[in-house]
Amino acid sequence: MAGQKRSDIMTEENTINQELLEIIKALASKVEDLEKTIYAKDSILMKAGFVVTNSPTPAMDNSIGSPTGMPKDISTMDWSEIHKMVEKAGGN
């Protein structure tokens, strides 16, 4: 009986983890598409001057680090690196 409950809990955790991973993948893809749209050379926002490529960036202290081994600062990562990190987090 206890083994069955443990199995049910593990299955539920795996399902939740898979759902969260799919959400992260979808969000990363949406942000990447949005970034491409905004910074496109023919973008109306870019032409109008609403999008500025050289602007001040807020600084955060990330000295604590991450227990999952994820990098401290993903803002300098390329999209291919972000996709690899998400795949690695999913165990694929």
PDB file of N, CA and C in Angstrom:
ATOM      1  N   MET A   1       0.824  -1.198   0.000  1.00  0.00           N
ATOM      2  CA  MET A   1       0.000   0.000   0.000  1.00  0.00           C
ATOM      3  C   MET A   1       0.868   1.262   0.000  1.00  0.00           C
ATOM      4  N   ALA A   2       1.886   1.270   0.867  1.00  0.00           N
ATOM      5  CA  ALA A   2       2.757   2.448   0.936  1.00  0.00           C
ATOM      6  C   ALA A   2       3.556   2.607  -0.351  1.00  0.00           C
ATOM      7  N   GLY A   3       3.960   1.477  -0.949  1.00  0.00           N
ATOM      8  CA  GLY A   3       4.690   1.516  -2.212  1.00  0.00           C
ATOM      9  C   GLY A   3       3.847   2.096  -3.320  1.00  0.00           C
ATOM     10  N   GLN A   4       2.556   1.783  -3.312  1.00  0.00           N
ATOM     11  CA  GLN A   4       1.640   2.308  -4.336  1.00  0.00           C
ATOM     12  C   GLN A   4       1.489   3.820  -4.192  1.00  0.00           C
ATOM     13  N   LYS A   5       1.375   4.303  -2.950  1.00  0.00           N
ATOM     14  CA  LYS A   5       1.247   5.749  -2.730  1.00  0.00           C
ATOM     15  C   LYS A   5       2.517   6.474  -3.171  1.00  0.00           C
ATOM     16  N   ARG A   6       3.677   5.880  -2.852  1.00  0.00           N
ATOM     17  CA  ARG A   6       4.944   6.488  -3.261  1.00  0.00           C
ATOM     18  C   ARG A   6       5.041   6.541  -4.782  1.00  0.00           C
ATOM     19  N   SER A   7       4.613   5.492  -5.437  1.00  0.00           N
ATOM     20  CA  SER A   7       4.619   5.455  -6.899  1.00  0.00           C
ATOM     21  C   SER A   7       3.687   6.512  -7.476  1.00  0.00           C
ATOM     22  N   ASP A   8       2.514   6.657  -6.866  1.00  0.00           N
ATOM     23  CA  ASP A   8       1.564   7.680  -7.327  1.00  0.00           C
ATOM     24  C   ASP A   8       2.139   9.079  -7.165  1.00  0.00           C
ATOM     25  N   ILE A   9       2.822   9.318  -6.052  1.00  0.00           N
ATOM     26  CA  ILE A   9       3.416  10.630  -5.803  1.00  0.00           C
ATOM     27  C   ILE A   9       4.526  10.899  -6.812  1.00  0.00           C
ATOM     28  N   MET A  10       5.364   9.895  -7.074  1.00  0.00           N
ATOM     29  CA  MET A  10       6.458  10.062  -8.039  1.00  0.00           C
ATOM     30  C   MET A  10       5.905  10.334  -9.439  1.00  0.00           C
ATOM     31  N   THR A  11       4.843   9.629  -9.816  1.00  0.00           N
ATOM     32  CA  THR A  11       4.224   9.836 -11.120  1.00  0.00           C
ATOM     33  C   THR A  11       3.656  11.242 -11.210  1.00  0.00           C
ATOM     34  N   GLU A  12       3.009  11.698 -10.148  1.00  0.00           N
ATOM     35  CA  GLU A  12       2.438  13.042 -10.131  1.00  0.00           C
ATOM     36  C   GLU A  12       3.542  14.096 -10.219  1.00  0.00           C
ATOM     37  N   GLU A  13       4.661  13.888  -9.497  1.00  0.00           N
ATOM     38  CA  GLU A  13       5.777  14.840  -9.555  1.00  0.00           C
ATOM     39  C   GLU A  13       6.378  14.874 -10.953  1.00  0.00           C
ATOM     40  N   ASN A  14       6.521  13.711 -11.581  1.00  0.00           N
ATOM     41  CA  ASN A  14       7.056  13.666 -12.946  1.00  0.00           C
ATOM     42  C   ASN A  14       6.140  14.401 -13.914  1.00  0.00           C
ATOM     43  N   THR A  15       4.841  14.231 -13.746  1.00  0.00           N
ATOM     44  CA  THR A  15       3.874  14.914 -14.605  1.00  0.00           C
ATOM     45  C   THR A  15       3.978  16.424 -14.429  1.00  0.00           C
ATOM     46  N   ILE A  16       4.071  16.862 -13.184  1.00  0.00           N
ATOM     47  CA  ILE A  16       4.190  18.299 -12.897  1.00  0.00           C
ATOM     48  C   ILE A  16       5.491  18.844 -13.480  1.00  0.00           C
ATOM     49  N   ASN A  17       6.596  18.099 -13.302  1.00  0.00           N
ATOM     50  CA  ASN A  17       7.881  18.539 -13.847  1.00  0.00           C
ATOM     51  C   ASN A  17       7.828  18.644 -15.361  1.00  0.00           C
ATOM     52  N   GLN A  18       7.201  17.686 -16.025  1.00  0.00           N
ATOM     53  CA  GLN A  18       7.083  17.726 -17.477  1.00  0.00           C
ATOM     54  C   GLN A  18       6.240  18.917 -17.923  1.00  0.00           C
ATOM     55  N   GLU A  19       5.162  19.187 -17.196  1.00  0.00           N
ATOM     56  CA  GLU A  19       4.311  20.334 -17.534  1.00  0.00           C
ATOM     57  C   GLU A  19       5.072  21.644 -17.357  1.00  0.00           C
ATOM     58  N   LEU A  20       5.833  21.763 -16.272  1.00  0.00           N
ATOM     59  CA  LEU A  20       6.623  22.973 -16.044  1.00  0.00           C
ATOM     60  C   LEU A  20       7.690  23.141 -17.120  1.00  0.00           C
ATOM     61  N   LEU A  21       8.316  22.046 -17.515  1.00  0.00           N
ATOM     62  CA  LEU A  21       9.318  22.107 -18.569  1.00  0.00           C
ATOM     63  C   LEU A  21       8.692  22.565 -19.881  1.00  0.00           C
ATOM     64  N   GLU A  22       7.506  22.082 -20.204  1.00  0.00           N
ATOM     65  CA  GLU A  22       6.818  22.504 -21.425  1.00  0.00           C
ATOM     66  C   GLU A  22       6.462  23.990 -21.367  1.00  0.00           C
ATOM     67  N   ILE A  23       6.070  24.465 -20.193  1.00  0.00           N
ATOM     68  CA  ILE A  23       5.765  25.889 -20.023  1.00  0.00           C
ATOM     69  C   ILE A  23       7.025  26.728 -20.237  1.00  0.00           C
ATOM     70  N   ILE A  24       8.155  26.288 -19.663  1.00  0.00           N
ATOM     71  CA  ILE A  24       9.416  27.020 -19.822  1.00  0.00           C
ATOM     72  C   ILE A  24       9.824  27.053 -21.289  1.00  0.00           C
ATOM     73  N   LYS A  25       9.691  25.911 -21.978  1.00  0.00           N
ATOM     74  CA  LYS A  25      10.032  25.861 -23.400  1.00  0.00           C
ATOM     75  C   LYS A  25       9.157  26.816 -24.201  1.00  0.00           C
ATOM     76  N   ALA A  26       7.855  26.819 -23.917  1.00  0.00           N
ATOM     77  CA  ALA A  26       6.938  27.691 -24.644  1.00  0.00           C
ATOM     78  C   ALA A  26       7.257  29.163 -24.386  1.00  0.00           C
ATOM     79  N   LEU A  27       7.538  29.501 -23.130  1.00  0.00           N
ATOM     80  CA  LEU A  27       7.861  30.886 -22.793  1.00  0.00           C
ATOM     81  C   LEU A  27       9.167  31.329 -23.450  1.00  0.00           C
ATOM     82  N   ALA A  28      10.180  30.467 -23.433  1.00  0.00           N
ATOM     83  CA  ALA A  28      11.457  30.810 -24.063  1.00  0.00           C
ATOM     84  C   ALA A  28      11.260  31.044 -25.558  1.00  0.00           C
ATOM     85  N   SER A  29      10.446  30.211 -26.178  1.00  0.00           N
ATOM     86  CA  SER A  29      10.175  30.359 -27.611  1.00  0.00           C
ATOM     87  C   SER A  29       9.430  31.668 -27.892  1.00  0.00           C
ATOM     88  N   LYS A  30       8.436  31.987 -27.071  1.00  0.00           N
ATOM     89  CA  LYS A  30       7.666  33.224 -27.252  1.00  0.00           C
ATOM     90  C   LYS A  30       8.560  34.453 -27.081  1.00  0.00           C
ATOM     91  N   VAL A  31       9.410  34.439 -26.063  1.00  0.00           N
ATOM     92  CA  VAL A  31      10.300  35.576 -25.821  1.00  0.00           C
ATOM     93  C   VAL A  31      11.285  35.731 -26.978  1.00  0.00           C
ATOM     94  N   GLU A  32      11.796  34.602 -27.478  1.00  0.00           N
ATOM     95  CA  GLU A  32      12.718  34.655 -28.610  1.00  0.00           C
ATOM     96  C   GLU A  32      12.032  35.241 -29.844  1.00  0.00           C
ATOM     97  N   ASP A  33      10.807  34.805 -30.119  1.00  0.00           N
ATOM     98  CA  ASP A  33      10.059  35.339 -31.259  1.00  0.00           C
ATOM     99  C   ASP A  33       9.776  36.834 -31.084  1.00  0.00           C
ATOM    100  N   LEU A  34       9.406  37.220 -29.879  1.00  0.00           N
ATOM    101  CA  LEU A  34       9.137  38.625 -29.594  1.00  0.00           C
ATOM    102  C   LEU A  34      10.399  39.463 -29.789  1.00  0.00           C
ATOM    103  N   GLU A  35      11.526  38.950 -29.316  1.00  0.00           N
ATOM    104  CA  GLU A  35      12.791  39.663 -29.480  1.00  0.00           C
ATOM    105  C   GLU A  35      13.133  39.832 -30.951  1.00  0.00           C
ATOM    106  N   LYS A  36      12.935  38.796 -31.742  1.00  0.00           N
ATOM    107  CA  LYS A  36      13.208  38.879 -33.177  1.00  0.00           C
ATOM    108  C   LYS A  36      12.296  39.906 -33.844  1.00  0.00           C
ATOM    109  N   THR A  37      11.033  39.937 -33.450  1.00  0.00           N
ATOM    110  CA  THR A  37      10.075  40.872 -34.022  1.00  0.00           C
ATOM    111  C   THR A  37      10.436  42.314 -33.677  1.00  0.00           C
ATOM    112  N   ILE A  38      10.754  42.552 -32.424  1.00  0.00           N
ATOM    113  CA  ILE A  38      11.043  43.911 -31.970  1.00  0.00           C
ATOM    114  C   ILE A  38      12.315  44.458 -32.605  1.00  0.00           C
ATOM    115  N   TYR A  39      13.345  43.633 -32.700  1.00  0.00           N
ATOM    116  CA  TYR A  39      14.630  44.108 -33.196  1.00  0.00           C
ATOM    117  C   TYR A  39      14.798  43.954 -34.706  1.00  0.00           C
ATOM    118  N   ALA A  40      13.741  43.555 -35.405  1.00  0.00           N
ATOM    119  CA  ALA A  40      13.815  43.432 -36.862  1.00  0.00           C
ATOM    120  C   ALA A  40      14.091  44.802 -37.471  1.00  0.00           C
ATOM    121  N   LYS A  41      14.892  44.816 -38.517  1.00  0.00           N
ATOM    122  CA  LYS A  41      15.274  46.086 -39.161  1.00  0.00           C
ATOM    123  C   LYS A  41      14.072  46.857 -39.688  1.00  0.00           C
ATOM    124  N   ASP A  42      13.031  46.141 -40.140  1.00  0.00           N
ATOM    125  CA  ASP A  42      11.871  46.815 -40.714  1.00  0.00           C
ATOM    126  C   ASP A  42      10.739  47.016 -39.698  1.00  0.00           C
ATOM    127  N   SER A  43      11.036  46.818 -38.432  1.00  0.00           N
ATOM    128  CA  SER A  43      10.033  46.976 -37.384  1.00  0.00           C
ATOM    129  C   SER A  43       9.622  48.441 -37.234  1.00  0.00           C
ATOM    130  N   ILE A  44       8.345  48.672 -37.141  1.00  0.00           N
ATOM    131  CA  ILE A  44       7.828  50.035 -36.946  1.00  0.00           C
ATOM    132  C   ILE A  44       8.328  50.603 -35.621  1.00  0.00           C
ATOM    133  N   LEU A  45       8.408  49.760 -34.602  1.00  0.00           N
ATOM    134  CA  LEU A  45       8.904  50.225 -33.305  1.00  0.00           C
ATOM    135  C   LEU A  45      10.355  50.682 -33.409  1.00  0.00           C
ATOM    136  N   MET A  46      11.143  49.921 -34.164  1.00  0.00           N
ATOM    137  CA  MET A  46      12.543  50.275 -34.329  1.00  0.00           C
ATOM    138  C   MET A  46      12.677  51.566 -35.119  1.00  0.00           C
ATOM    139  N   LYS A  47      11.906  51.695 -36.191  1.00  0.00           N
ATOM    140  CA  LYS A  47      11.972  52.895 -37.032  1.00  0.00           C
ATOM    141  C   LYS A  47      11.505  54.136 -36.275  1.00  0.00           C
ATOM    142  N   ALA A  48      10.526  53.961 -35.407  1.00  0.00           N
ATOM    143  CA  ALA A  48       9.981  55.096 -34.668  1.00  0.00           C
ATOM    144  C   ALA A  48      10.876  55.510 -33.501  1.00  0.00           C
ATOM    145  N   GLY A  49      11.852  54.680 -33.177  1.00  0.00           N
ATOM    146  CA  GLY A  49      12.758  55.019 -32.082  1.00  0.00           C
ATOM    147  C   GLY A  49      12.270  54.568 -30.725  1.00  0.00           C
ATOM    148  N   PHE A  50      11.195  53.774 -30.684  1.00  0.00           N
ATOM    149  CA  PHE A  50      10.707  53.284 -29.400  1.00  0.00           C
ATOM    150  C   PHE A  50      11.582  52.167 -28.842  1.00  0.00           C
ATOM    151  N   VAL A  51      12.284  51.467 -29.714  1.00  0.00           N
ATOM    152  CA  VAL A  51      13.182  50.399 -29.290  1.00  0.00           C
ATOM    153  C   VAL A  51      14.600  50.911 -29.417  1.00  0.00           C
ATOM    154  N   VAL A  52      15.313  50.894 -28.315  1.00  0.00           N
ATOM    155  CA  VAL A  52      16.689  51.366 -28.289  1.00  0.00           C
ATOM    156  C   VAL A  52      17.570  50.171 -27.942  1.00  0.00           C
ATOM    157  N   THR A  53      18.560  49.912 -28.767  1.00  0.00           N
ATOM    158  CA  THR A  53      19.400  48.739 -28.526  1.00  0.00           C
ATOM    159  C   THR A  53      20.469  48.967 -27.471  1.00  0.00           C
ATOM    160  N   ASN A  54      20.850  50.213 -27.238  1.00  0.00           N
ATOM    161  CA  ASN A  54      21.863  50.521 -26.228  1.00  0.00           C
ATOM    162  C   ASN A  54      21.224  51.309 -25.105  1.00  0.00           C
ATOM    163  N   SER A  55      20.739  50.614 -24.112  1.00  0.00           N
ATOM    164  CA  SER A  55      20.097  51.276 -22.978  1.00  0.00           C
ATOM    165  C   SER A  55      20.722  50.759 -21.688  1.00  0.00           C
ATOM    166  N   PRO A  56      20.576  51.504 -20.607  1.00  0.00           N
ATOM    167  CA  PRO A  56      21.131  51.040 -19.325  1.00  0.00           C
ATOM    168  C   PRO A  56      20.459  49.727 -18.902  1.00  0.00           C
ATOM    169  N   THR A  57      21.246  48.858 -18.316  1.00  0.00           N
ATOM    170  CA  THR A  57      20.737  47.571 -17.854  1.00  0.00           C
ATOM    171  C   THR A  57      20.789  47.531 -16.344  1.00  0.00           C
ATOM    172  N   PRO A  58      19.687  47.184 -15.693  1.00  0.00           N
ATOM    173  CA  PRO A  58      19.712  47.081 -14.234  1.00  0.00           C
ATOM    174  C   PRO A  58      20.687  46.001 -13.788  1.00  0.00           C
ATOM    175  N   ALA A  59      21.347  46.215 -12.690  1.00  0.00           N
ATOM    176  CA  ALA A  59      22.305  45.242 -12.168  1.00  0.00           C
ATOM    177  C   ALA A  59      21.711  44.550 -10.946  1.00  0.00           C
ATOM    178  N   MET A  60      21.948  43.258 -10.877  1.00  0.00           N
ATOM    179  CA  MET A  60      21.495  42.480  -9.729  1.00  0.00           C
ATOM    180  C   MET A  60      22.677  41.710  -9.157  1.00  0.00           C
ATOM    181  N   ASP A  61      22.677  41.521  -7.858  1.00  0.00           N
ATOM    182  CA  ASP A  61      23.731  40.748  -7.223  1.00  0.00           C
ATOM    183  C   ASP A  61      23.304  39.285  -7.222  1.00  0.00           C
ATOM    184  N   ASN A  62      23.977  38.479  -8.011  1.00  0.00           N
ATOM    185  CA  ASN A  62      23.667  37.049  -8.100  1.00  0.00           C
ATOM    186  C   ASN A  62      24.722  36.216  -7.398  1.00  0.00           C
ATOM    187  N   SER A  63      25.227  36.688  -6.293  1.00  0.00           N
ATOM    188  CA  SER A  63      26.331  35.999  -5.635  1.00  0.00           C
ATOM    189  C   SER A  63      25.918  34.699  -4.960  1.00  0.00           C
ATOM    190  N   ILE A  64      24.630  34.493  -4.753  1.00  0.00           N
ATOM    191  CA  ILE A  64      24.168  33.280  -4.079  1.00  0.00           C
ATOM    192  C   ILE A  64      24.371  32.064  -4.970  1.00  0.00           C
ATOM    193  N   GLY A  65      24.145  32.202  -6.252  1.00  0.00           N
ATOM    194  CA  GLY A  65      24.312  31.087  -7.174  1.00  0.00           C
ATOM    195  C   GLY A  65      23.061  30.230  -7.220  1.00  0.00           C
ATOM    196  N   SER A  66      23.167  29.154  -7.921  1.00  0.00           N
ATOM    197  CA  SER A  66      22.018  28.288  -8.100  1.00  0.00           C
ATOM    198  C   SER A  66      22.369  26.862  -7.723  1.00  0.00           C
ATOM    199  N   PRO A  67      21.546  26.215  -6.889  1.00  0.00           N
ATOM    200  CA  PRO A  67      21.822  24.832  -6.507  1.00  0.00           C
ATOM    201  C   PRO A  67      21.633  23.849  -7.662  1.00  0.00           C
ATOM    202  N   THR A  68      20.966  24.264  -8.739  1.00  0.00           N
ATOM    203  CA  THR A  68      20.719  23.362  -9.865  1.00  0.00           C
ATOM    204  C   THR A  68      21.843  23.398 -10.876  1.00  0.00           C
ATOM    205  N   GLY A  69      22.868  24.200 -10.628  1.00  0.00           N
ATOM    206  CA  GLY A  69      23.987  24.275 -11.557  1.00  0.00           C
ATOM    207  C   GLY A  69      23.714  25.164 -12.755  1.00  0.00           C
ATOM    208  N   MET A  70      22.646  25.943 -12.709  1.00  0.00           N
ATOM    209  CA  MET A  70      22.327  26.837 -13.809  1.00  0.00           C
ATOM    210  C   MET A  70      23.227  28.059 -13.720  1.00  0.00           C
ATOM    211  N   PRO A  71      23.530  28.674 -14.841  1.00  0.00           N
ATOM    212  CA  PRO A  71      24.398  29.852 -14.814  1.00  0.00           C
ATOM    213  C   PRO A  71      23.770  30.989 -14.016  1.00  0.00           C
ATOM    214  N   LYS A  72      24.622  31.850 -13.502  1.00  0.00           N
ATOM    215  CA  LYS A  72      24.135  32.970 -12.710  1.00  0.00           C
ATOM    216  C   LYS A  72      23.474  34.038 -13.564  1.00  0.00           C
ATOM    217  N   ASP A  73      23.941  34.210 -14.790  1.00  0.00           N
ATOM    218  CA  ASP A  73      23.452  35.298 -15.623  1.00  0.00           C
ATOM    219  C   ASP A  73      23.157  34.794 -17.027  1.00  0.00           C
ATOM    220  N   ILE A  74      21.875  34.615 -17.346  1.00  0.00           N
ATOM    221  CA  ILE A  74      21.530  34.108 -18.672  1.00  0.00           C
ATOM    222  C   ILE A  74      21.392  35.224 -19.695  1.00  0.00           C
ATOM    223  N   SER A  75      21.519  36.468 -19.241  1.00  0.00           N
ATOM    224  CA  SER A  75      21.353  37.583 -20.179  1.00  0.00           C
ATOM    225  C   SER A  75      22.456  37.615 -21.233  1.00  0.00           C
ATOM    226  N   THR A  76      23.591  36.995 -20.948  1.00  0.00           N
ATOM    227  CA  THR A  76      24.689  36.982 -21.909  1.00  0.00           C
ATOM    228  C   THR A  76      24.692  35.722 -22.758  1.00  0.00           C
ATOM    229  N   MET A  77      23.730  34.819 -22.517  1.00  0.00           N
ATOM    230  CA  MET A  77      23.691  33.557 -23.252  1.00  0.00           C
ATOM    231  C   MET A  77      23.003  33.732 -24.602  1.00  0.00           C
ATOM    232  N   ASP A  78      23.406  32.918 -25.561  1.00  0.00           N
ATOM    233  CA  ASP A  78      22.769  32.859 -26.871  1.00  0.00           C
ATOM    234  C   ASP A  78      21.513  31.989 -26.746  1.00  0.00           C
ATOM    235  N   TRP A  79      20.557  32.172 -27.646  1.00  0.00           N
ATOM    236  CA  TRP A  79      19.317  31.391 -27.574  1.00  0.00           C
ATOM    237  C   TRP A  79      19.577  29.893 -27.675  1.00  0.00           C
ATOM    238  N   SER A  80      20.561  29.496 -28.466  1.00  0.00           N
ATOM    239  CA  SER A  80      20.862  28.068 -28.579  1.00  0.00           C
ATOM    240  C   SER A  80      21.336  27.512 -27.240  1.00  0.00           C
ATOM    241  N   GLU A  81      22.097  28.302 -26.482  1.00  0.00           N
ATOM    242  CA  GLU A  81      22.551  27.884 -25.159  1.00  0.00           C
ATOM    243  C   GLU A  81      21.369  27.777 -24.181  1.00  0.00           C
ATOM    244  N   ILE A  82      20.430  28.712 -24.292  1.00  0.00           N
ATOM    245  CA  ILE A  82      19.250  28.669 -23.421  1.00  0.00           C
ATOM    246  C   ILE A  82      18.412  27.430 -23.725  1.00  0.00           C
ATOM    247  N   HIS A  83      18.236  27.130 -25.021  1.00  0.00           N
ATOM    248  CA  HIS A  83      17.469  25.937 -25.388  1.00  0.00           C
ATOM    249  C   HIS A  83      18.161  24.665 -24.888  1.00  0.00           C
ATOM    250  N   LYS A  84      19.497  24.604 -24.979  1.00  0.00           N
ATOM    251  CA  LYS A  84      20.231  23.443 -24.477  1.00  0.00           C
ATOM    252  C   LYS A  84      20.067  23.306 -22.972  1.00  0.00           C
ATOM    253  N   MET A  85      20.096  24.437 -22.246  1.00  0.00           N
ATOM    254  CA  MET A  85      19.952  24.416 -20.800  1.00  0.00           C
ATOM    255  C   MET A  85      18.562  23.905 -20.419  1.00  0.00           C
ATOM    256  N   VAL A  86      17.525  24.331 -21.148  1.00  0.00           N
ATOM    257  CA  VAL A  86      16.163  23.878 -20.863  1.00  0.00           C
ATOM    258  C   VAL A  86      16.046  22.382 -21.143  1.00  0.00           C
ATOM    259  N   GLU A  87      16.617  21.917 -22.251  1.00  0.00           N
ATOM    260  CA  GLU A  87      16.583  20.492 -22.570  1.00  0.00           C
ATOM    261  C   GLU A  87      17.298  19.682 -21.493  1.00  0.00           C
ATOM    262  N   LYS A  88      18.446  20.188 -21.033  1.00  0.00           N
ATOM    263  CA  LYS A  88      19.225  19.500 -19.998  1.00  0.00           C
ATOM    264  C   LYS A  88      18.439  19.420 -18.696  1.00  0.00           C
ATOM    265  N   ALA A  89      17.707  20.492 -18.373  1.00  0.00           N
ATOM    266  CA  ALA A  89      16.895  20.506 -17.151  1.00  0.00           C
ATOM    267  C   ALA A  89      15.781  19.466 -17.222  1.00  0.00           C
ATOM    268  N   GLY A  90      15.325  19.180 -18.426  1.00  0.00           N
ATOM    269  CA  GLY A  90      14.271  18.197 -18.603  1.00  0.00           C
ATOM    270  C   GLY A  90      14.773  16.778 -18.671  1.00  0.00           C
ATOM    271  N   GLY A  91      16.084  16.598 -18.656  1.00  0.00           N
ATOM    272  CA  GLY A  91      16.652  15.253 -18.691  1.00  0.00           C
ATOM    273  C   GLY A  91      16.648  14.651 -20.077  1.00  0.00           C
ATOM    274  N   ASN A  92      16.507  15.473 -21.108  1.00  0.00           N
ATOM    275  CA  ASN A  92      16.482  14.960 -22.487  1.00  0.00           C
ATOM    276  C   ASN A  92      17.858  14.964 -23.089  1.00  0.00           C
TER     277      ASN A  92
END
